[in-house]
């Protein structure tokens, strides 16, 4: 939907753009774009556009997103909306398009570049299916899988268990995945949240289920056998099933190269040591699964323990810590 008005009237067009014609006068540096539909015509001088804003307005039907164009005097020249009727939520496809156009979309934040009308209209003619998601990952394993697909450009934020690849640390951090808050997540305007089953609280995740925001739960089972399921779930969520199967094949191939002959050593996995009492992983954890795969055994026999014994002057000779 395109809204164009002046002090006297407002013209509204809804539908597909059929014909575009660009005009450029080198002597006067005049650049103009003409929309020449059968029942709608629009002619705008591109050099008259000063800035562009993306806004998200709360309504009784949910968030409504618009792209608004202003001239050098601060007058609104054009508004663009996704097609909708009153009483219905905004189209998810329109939200995806705007998200792809801006990359870092925030309510009322001025775009850091001047968007010519020609560029905007051409972009809006791109099929919706080509628009990327705005993904928030809740779980370090989920984040690494997304980047293994070479789809990291779609990730806009992550939780603080996501540490790899190193480039992910430059993205906004929504907090520890078991202590989330809905406001922090929704303020980034995601279209897709990939959340581990371990992500909590459940009430917070329920609050993020708003129009235009899809939540996909990924198994949190801490075992190597669960990794193909994780890969397949994430691949289907971003509509890349072929990449998912390729990564599963690669994972299984690498897993088959591991020597699983029994080892005599017992292993302790220290996952938190901040100078006070260290924490180590116990049985039925991801560390336990890895240690068992290489043929060794966990030293700790409980799910998670506080290792006071690390302060002892002597430890078993066959104990390996990492």
Protein backbone atom coordinates (compact mmCIF):
# COMPACT_ATOMS: atom_id res chain seq x y z
CA UNK A 1 0.00 0.00 0.00
CA UNK A 2 1.35 3.43 -1.00
CA UNK A 3 0.03 6.64 0.59
CA UNK A 4 0.87 9.94 -1.11
CA UNK A 5 -0.73 13.20 -0.03
CA UNK A 6 -0.56 16.97 0.24
CA UNK A 7 -2.49 19.64 2.15
CA UNK A 8 -5.58 19.02 0.05
CA UNK A 9 -5.96 15.28 -0.45
CA UNK A 10 -4.51 11.79 0.03
CA UNK A 11 -4.10 9.20 -2.73
CA UNK A 12 -3.86 5.53 -1.72
CA UNK A 13 -2.76 2.69 -3.97
CA UNK A 14 -2.98 -1.01 -3.11
CA UNK A 15 -1.70 -3.67 -5.48
CA UNK A 16 1.23 -4.67 -7.65
CA UNK A 17 3.47 -2.18 -9.43
CA UNK A 18 3.30 -2.95 -13.14
CA UNK A 19 5.64 -0.50 -14.83
CA UNK A 20 8.60 1.60 -13.73
CA UNK A 21 10.36 4.31 -15.70
CA UNK A 22 13.46 6.16 -14.49
CA UNK A 23 14.46 9.61 -15.71
CA UNK A 24 17.88 11.24 -15.29
CA UNK A 25 18.84 14.70 -16.53
CA UNK A 26 22.64 14.97 -16.38
CA UNK A 27 22.66 18.76 -16.82
CA UNK A 28 20.34 19.52 -13.90
CA UNK A 29 21.28 16.40 -11.92
CA UNK A 30 17.56 15.62 -11.80
CA UNK A 31 16.67 12.03 -10.98
CA UNK A 32 13.04 11.03 -11.16
CA UNK A 33 11.14 7.78 -10.89
CA UNK A 34 7.74 7.21 -12.48
CA UNK A 35 5.27 4.48 -11.57
CA UNK A 36 3.01 3.99 -14.59
CA UNK A 37 0.20 1.58 -13.68
CA UNK A 38 -3.06 1.54 -15.62
CA UNK A 39 -5.03 3.14 -12.76
CA UNK A 40 -2.21 4.62 -10.71
CA UNK A 41 0.69 6.90 -11.54
CA UNK A 42 3.36 8.35 -9.29
CA UNK A 43 6.20 10.70 -10.16
CA UNK A 44 8.79 11.70 -7.55
CA UNK A 45 12.10 13.54 -7.78
CA UNK A 46 14.61 11.35 -5.96
CA UNK A 47 16.93 14.24 -5.08
CA UNK A 48 14.06 15.75 -3.11
CA UNK A 49 14.12 12.89 -0.60
CA UNK A 50 16.05 13.79 2.55
CA UNK A 51 15.63 10.76 4.81
CA UNK A 52 13.70 7.58 5.41
CA UNK A 53 12.35 6.01 8.60
CA UNK A 54 10.97 2.62 9.55
CA UNK A 55 8.28 2.82 12.24
CA UNK A 56 6.43 0.15 14.18
CA UNK A 57 3.13 1.29 15.67
CA UNK A 58 1.15 -0.70 18.26
CA UNK A 59 -2.52 -1.17 17.30
CA UNK A 60 -5.39 -3.37 18.46
CA UNK A 61 -4.43 -5.73 15.61
CA UNK A 62 -0.78 -5.95 16.65
CA UNK A 63 2.30 -4.10 15.38
CA UNK A 64 1.90 -2.24 12.07
CA UNK A 65 5.14 -1.50 10.19
CA UNK A 66 5.58 1.35 7.72
CA UNK A 67 8.36 2.83 5.62
CA UNK A 68 8.08 6.64 5.63
CA UNK A 69 9.85 9.04 3.24
CA UNK A 70 10.48 12.73 4.06
CA UNK A 71 11.70 15.75 2.09
CA UNK A 72 14.30 18.33 3.12
CA UNK A 73 11.65 20.42 4.92
CA UNK A 74 10.57 17.53 7.14
CA UNK A 75 7.35 16.93 5.23
CA UNK A 76 6.19 13.36 4.81
CA UNK A 77 6.16 12.54 1.09
CA UNK A 78 5.23 8.84 0.97
CA UNK A 79 4.17 6.07 3.33
CA UNK A 80 4.42 2.38 2.41
CA UNK A 81 2.54 -0.38 4.28
CA UNK A 82 1.96 -4.06 3.74
CA UNK A 83 -1.52 -4.77 2.37
CA UNK A 84 -3.99 -5.51 5.18
CA UNK A 85 -7.58 -4.88 6.23
CA UNK A 86 -8.70 -3.57 9.59
CA UNK A 87 -9.12 -6.33 12.15
CA UNK A 88 -6.36 -8.49 10.65
CA UNK A 89 -2.70 -8.67 11.74
CA UNK A 90 0.07 -7.41 9.52
CA UNK A 91 1.41 -9.82 6.91
CA UNK A 92 4.50 -11.69 8.07
CA UNK A 93 5.93 -11.42 4.55
CA UNK A 94 5.84 -7.62 4.74
CA UNK A 95 7.67 -7.68 8.07
CA UNK A 96 10.34 -9.91 6.56
CA UNK A 97 10.81 -7.56 3.62
CA UNK A 98 11.24 -4.51 5.81
CA UNK A 99 13.59 -6.43 8.12
CA UNK A 100 15.74 -7.44 5.17
CA UNK A 101 15.78 -3.88 3.83
CA UNK A 102 16.91 -2.26 7.05
CA UNK A 103 18.92 -5.06 8.73
CA UNK A 104 18.81 -3.16 12.03
CA UNK A 105 15.21 -2.08 12.31
CA UNK A 106 14.21 -0.14 15.43
CA UNK A 107 11.03 1.86 16.12
CA UNK A 108 11.51 5.48 15.12
CA UNK A 109 15.23 5.08 14.39
CA UNK A 110 16.43 7.00 11.37
CA UNK A 111 17.97 4.84 8.66
CA UNK A 112 21.68 5.60 8.34
CA UNK A 113 21.49 5.98 4.60
CA UNK A 114 19.44 7.90 2.11
CA UNK A 115 17.05 5.54 0.37
CA UNK A 116 16.16 6.67 -3.13
CA UNK A 117 12.58 5.93 -4.13
CA UNK A 118 13.74 3.87 -7.10
CA UNK A 119 15.79 1.61 -4.82
CA UNK A 120 12.86 1.19 -2.44
CA UNK A 121 10.32 0.32 -5.09
CA UNK A 122 12.64 -2.12 -6.86
CA UNK A 123 13.30 -3.81 -3.52
CA UNK A 124 9.58 -4.10 -2.83
CA UNK A 125 9.16 -5.95 -6.12
CA UNK A 126 11.47 -8.74 -4.91
CA UNK A 127 9.46 -11.90 -4.13
CA UNK A 128 8.67 -12.24 -0.44
CA UNK A 129 10.21 -15.69 -0.29
CA UNK A 130 13.66 -14.18 -0.78
CA UNK A 131 13.45 -12.09 2.38
CA UNK A 132 15.68 -13.24 5.25
CA UNK A 133 14.58 -13.94 8.79
CA UNK A 134 15.62 -11.89 11.83
CA UNK A 135 16.78 -14.71 14.08
CA UNK A 136 17.54 -14.73 17.80
CA UNK A 137 19.34 -17.88 18.96
CA UNK A 138 18.90 -19.16 22.52
CA UNK A 139 21.57 -21.81 23.01
CA UNK A 140 25.23 -22.02 22.03
CA UNK A 141 24.68 -25.24 20.06
CA UNK A 142 21.89 -23.61 18.04
CA UNK A 143 24.08 -20.62 17.20
CA UNK A 144 26.97 -22.79 16.03
CA UNK A 145 24.68 -24.85 13.81
CA UNK A 146 23.24 -21.73 12.15
CA UNK A 147 26.75 -20.50 11.37
CA UNK A 148 27.75 -23.96 10.13
CA UNK A 149 25.02 -23.49 7.51
CA UNK A 150 26.65 -20.16 6.51
CA UNK A 151 23.40 -18.43 7.49
CA UNK A 152 24.88 -16.30 10.25
CA UNK A 153 23.88 -13.05 8.52
CA UNK A 154 20.29 -13.75 9.54
CA UNK A 155 21.15 -13.80 13.26
CA UNK A 156 20.50 -10.45 14.96
CA UNK A 157 21.04 -11.43 18.62
CA UNK A 158 22.00 -14.37 20.85
CA UNK A 159 22.05 -15.51 24.47
CA UNK A 160 25.24 -15.39 26.53
CA UNK A 161 25.94 -19.12 26.19
CA UNK A 162 26.61 -18.46 22.49
CA UNK A 163 30.37 -17.85 22.29
CA UNK A 164 31.30 -19.31 18.91
CA UNK A 165 32.10 -18.26 16.28
CA UNK A 166 33.90 -15.22 17.66
CA UNK A 167 31.97 -12.85 15.39
CA UNK A 168 28.77 -13.68 17.32
CA UNK A 169 30.10 -11.71 20.30
CA UNK A 170 29.52 -8.48 18.38
CA UNK A 171 25.75 -9.08 18.35
CA UNK A 172 23.34 -8.01 21.12
CA UNK A 173 23.19 -10.36 24.12
CA UNK A 174 19.67 -11.09 25.44
CA UNK A 175 21.01 -12.68 28.64
CA UNK A 176 21.36 -16.14 30.11
CA UNK A 177 19.03 -18.55 28.33
CA UNK A 178 17.50 -19.77 31.61
CA UNK A 179 16.80 -16.25 32.88
CA UNK A 180 15.27 -14.53 29.84
CA UNK A 181 12.95 -11.52 29.69
CA UNK A 182 10.40 -10.93 26.94
CA UNK A 183 10.97 -7.17 26.67
CA UNK A 184 14.65 -7.54 25.84
CA UNK A 185 13.90 -10.09 23.14
CA UNK A 186 10.96 -8.29 21.52
CA UNK A 187 12.79 -4.94 21.51
CA UNK A 188 15.00 -6.37 18.75
CA UNK A 189 11.99 -7.23 16.55
CA UNK A 190 12.84 -10.83 15.66
CA UNK A 191 10.80 -12.81 13.15
CA UNK A 192 12.19 -16.18 14.29
CA UNK A 193 13.39 -17.35 17.71
CA UNK A 194 15.30 -20.63 17.79
CA UNK A 195 15.21 -21.73 21.42
CA UNK A 196 16.70 -24.71 23.18
CA UNK A 197 14.25 -26.71 25.28
CA UNK A 198 16.43 -25.62 28.20
CA UNK A 199 15.54 -21.95 27.62
CA UNK A 200 13.48 -20.54 30.50
CA UNK A 201 11.19 -19.24 31.89
CA UNK A 202 8.40 -20.78 29.83
CA UNK A 203 6.14 -17.79 30.58
CA UNK A 204 8.66 -15.43 28.98
CA UNK A 205 8.82 -17.50 25.80
CA UNK A 206 5.03 -17.58 25.71
CA UNK A 207 4.95 -13.77 25.88
CA UNK A 208 7.22 -13.53 22.84
CA UNK A 209 4.69 -15.45 20.73
CA UNK A 210 3.22 -12.39 19.04
CA UNK A 211 2.03 -11.84 15.46
CA UNK A 212 5.04 -12.00 13.18
CA UNK A 213 7.27 -13.79 15.70
CA UNK A 214 7.72 -17.55 15.29
CA UNK A 215 9.31 -19.69 18.01
CA UNK A 216 10.91 -23.03 17.19
CA UNK A 217 11.95 -25.30 20.08
CA UNK A 218 15.11 -27.36 19.56
CA UNK A 219 15.78 -30.47 21.60
CA UNK A 220 18.01 -29.89 24.60
CA UNK A 221 19.00 -33.53 25.06
CA UNK A 222 22.72 -33.48 26.04
CA UNK A 223 23.92 -36.31 23.83
CA UNK A 224 25.77 -36.69 20.56
CA UNK A 225 22.89 -38.82 19.27
CA UNK A 226 20.59 -35.77 19.51
CA UNK A 227 22.77 -33.55 17.32
CA UNK A 228 21.31 -34.74 13.96
CA UNK A 229 17.81 -33.94 15.28
CA UNK A 230 18.97 -30.45 16.28
CA UNK A 231 20.51 -29.88 12.86
CA UNK A 232 17.40 -31.08 11.05
CA UNK A 233 15.04 -28.94 13.18
CA UNK A 234 17.08 -25.78 12.58
CA UNK A 235 17.52 -26.49 8.88
CA UNK A 236 13.77 -26.88 8.41
CA UNK A 237 13.10 -23.71 10.42
CA UNK A 238 15.19 -21.61 8.01
CA UNK A 239 13.98 -23.55 4.97
CA UNK A 240 17.37 -25.10 4.23
CA UNK A 241 16.69 -28.86 4.55
CA UNK A 242 19.39 -29.78 2.03
CA UNK A 243 22.06 -27.95 4.03
CA UNK A 244 20.79 -29.80 7.08
CA UNK A 245 21.29 -33.24 5.55
CA UNK A 246 24.73 -32.26 4.27
CA UNK A 247 25.81 -31.13 7.74
CA UNK A 248 24.43 -34.32 9.31
CA UNK A 249 26.46 -36.42 6.87
CA UNK A 250 29.58 -34.41 7.70
CA UNK A 251 28.94 -34.79 11.45
CA UNK A 252 28.45 -38.56 11.22
CA UNK A 253 31.60 -38.90 9.12
CA UNK A 254 33.68 -36.99 11.68
CA UNK A 255 32.11 -38.93 14.56
CA UNK A 256 33.06 -42.24 12.95
CA UNK A 257 36.76 -41.25 13.06
CA UNK A 258 36.81 -41.02 16.87
CA UNK A 259 38.67 -43.80 18.68
CA UNK A 260 36.18 -45.22 21.20
CA UNK A 261 38.47 -47.83 22.79
CA UNK A 262 38.09 -47.88 26.61
CA UNK A 263 40.46 -45.60 28.55
CA UNK A 264 41.64 -46.09 32.11
CA UNK A 265 41.54 -42.41 32.96
CA UNK A 266 38.67 -40.77 34.82
CA UNK A 267 37.92 -37.23 33.67
CA UNK A 268 36.60 -34.18 35.47
CA UNK A 269 35.10 -31.35 33.40
CA UNK A 270 35.32 -27.94 35.10
CA UNK A 271 32.87 -25.57 33.40
CA UNK A 272 32.92 -22.67 35.88
CA UNK A 273 35.79 -21.47 38.04
CA UNK A 274 35.67 -17.80 38.98
CA UNK A 275 38.13 -17.91 41.84
CA UNK A 276 35.73 -19.26 44.45
CA UNK A 277 34.23 -22.75 44.48
CA UNK A 278 34.45 -24.37 41.01
CA UNK A 279 31.55 -26.17 39.36
CA UNK A 280 32.00 -29.35 37.35
CA UNK A 281 29.74 -31.37 35.09
CA UNK A 282 28.27 -34.64 36.30
CA UNK A 283 26.39 -37.52 34.71
CA UNK A 284 23.72 -37.02 32.02
CA UNK A 285 25.32 -33.77 30.86
CA UNK A 286 26.82 -32.81 27.49
CA UNK A 287 30.32 -33.20 28.95
CA UNK A 288 29.45 -36.71 30.15
CA UNK A 289 28.30 -37.62 26.64
CA UNK A 290 31.56 -36.42 25.08
CA UNK A 291 33.73 -38.16 27.67
CA UNK A 292 31.84 -41.43 27.25
CA UNK A 293 32.22 -41.22 23.47
CA UNK A 294 36.02 -41.25 23.70
CA UNK A 295 35.93 -44.30 26.01
CA UNK A 296 36.68 -42.55 29.32
CA UNK A 297 34.57 -42.19 32.48
CA UNK A 298 33.34 -39.24 34.51
CA UNK A 299 34.96 -38.82 37.93
CA UNK A 300 31.78 -37.22 39.34
CA UNK A 301 28.77 -39.48 39.87
CA UNK A 302 26.07 -36.84 40.32
CA UNK A 303 24.29 -34.57 37.86
CA UNK A 304 26.25 -31.49 38.94
CA UNK A 305 28.57 -31.09 41.92
CA UNK A 306 30.49 -28.37 43.72
CA UNK A 307 34.05 -29.61 43.81
CA UNK A 308 35.31 -29.03 47.34
CA UNK A 309 37.64 -31.97 46.73
CA UNK A 310 39.68 -29.84 44.32
CA UNK A 311 41.11 -28.14 47.41
CA UNK A 312 42.53 -31.45 48.63
CA UNK A 313 46.33 -31.78 48.40
CA UNK A 314 46.14 -35.12 46.57
CA UNK A 315 43.92 -36.44 43.80
CA UNK A 316 43.73 -39.83 42.05
CA UNK A 317 46.70 -40.39 39.75
CA UNK A 318 44.50 -41.35 36.82
CA UNK A 319 42.37 -38.17 37.03
CA UNK A 320 42.40 -35.79 34.08
CA UNK A 321 40.86 -32.31 34.40
CA UNK A 322 39.89 -29.89 31.65
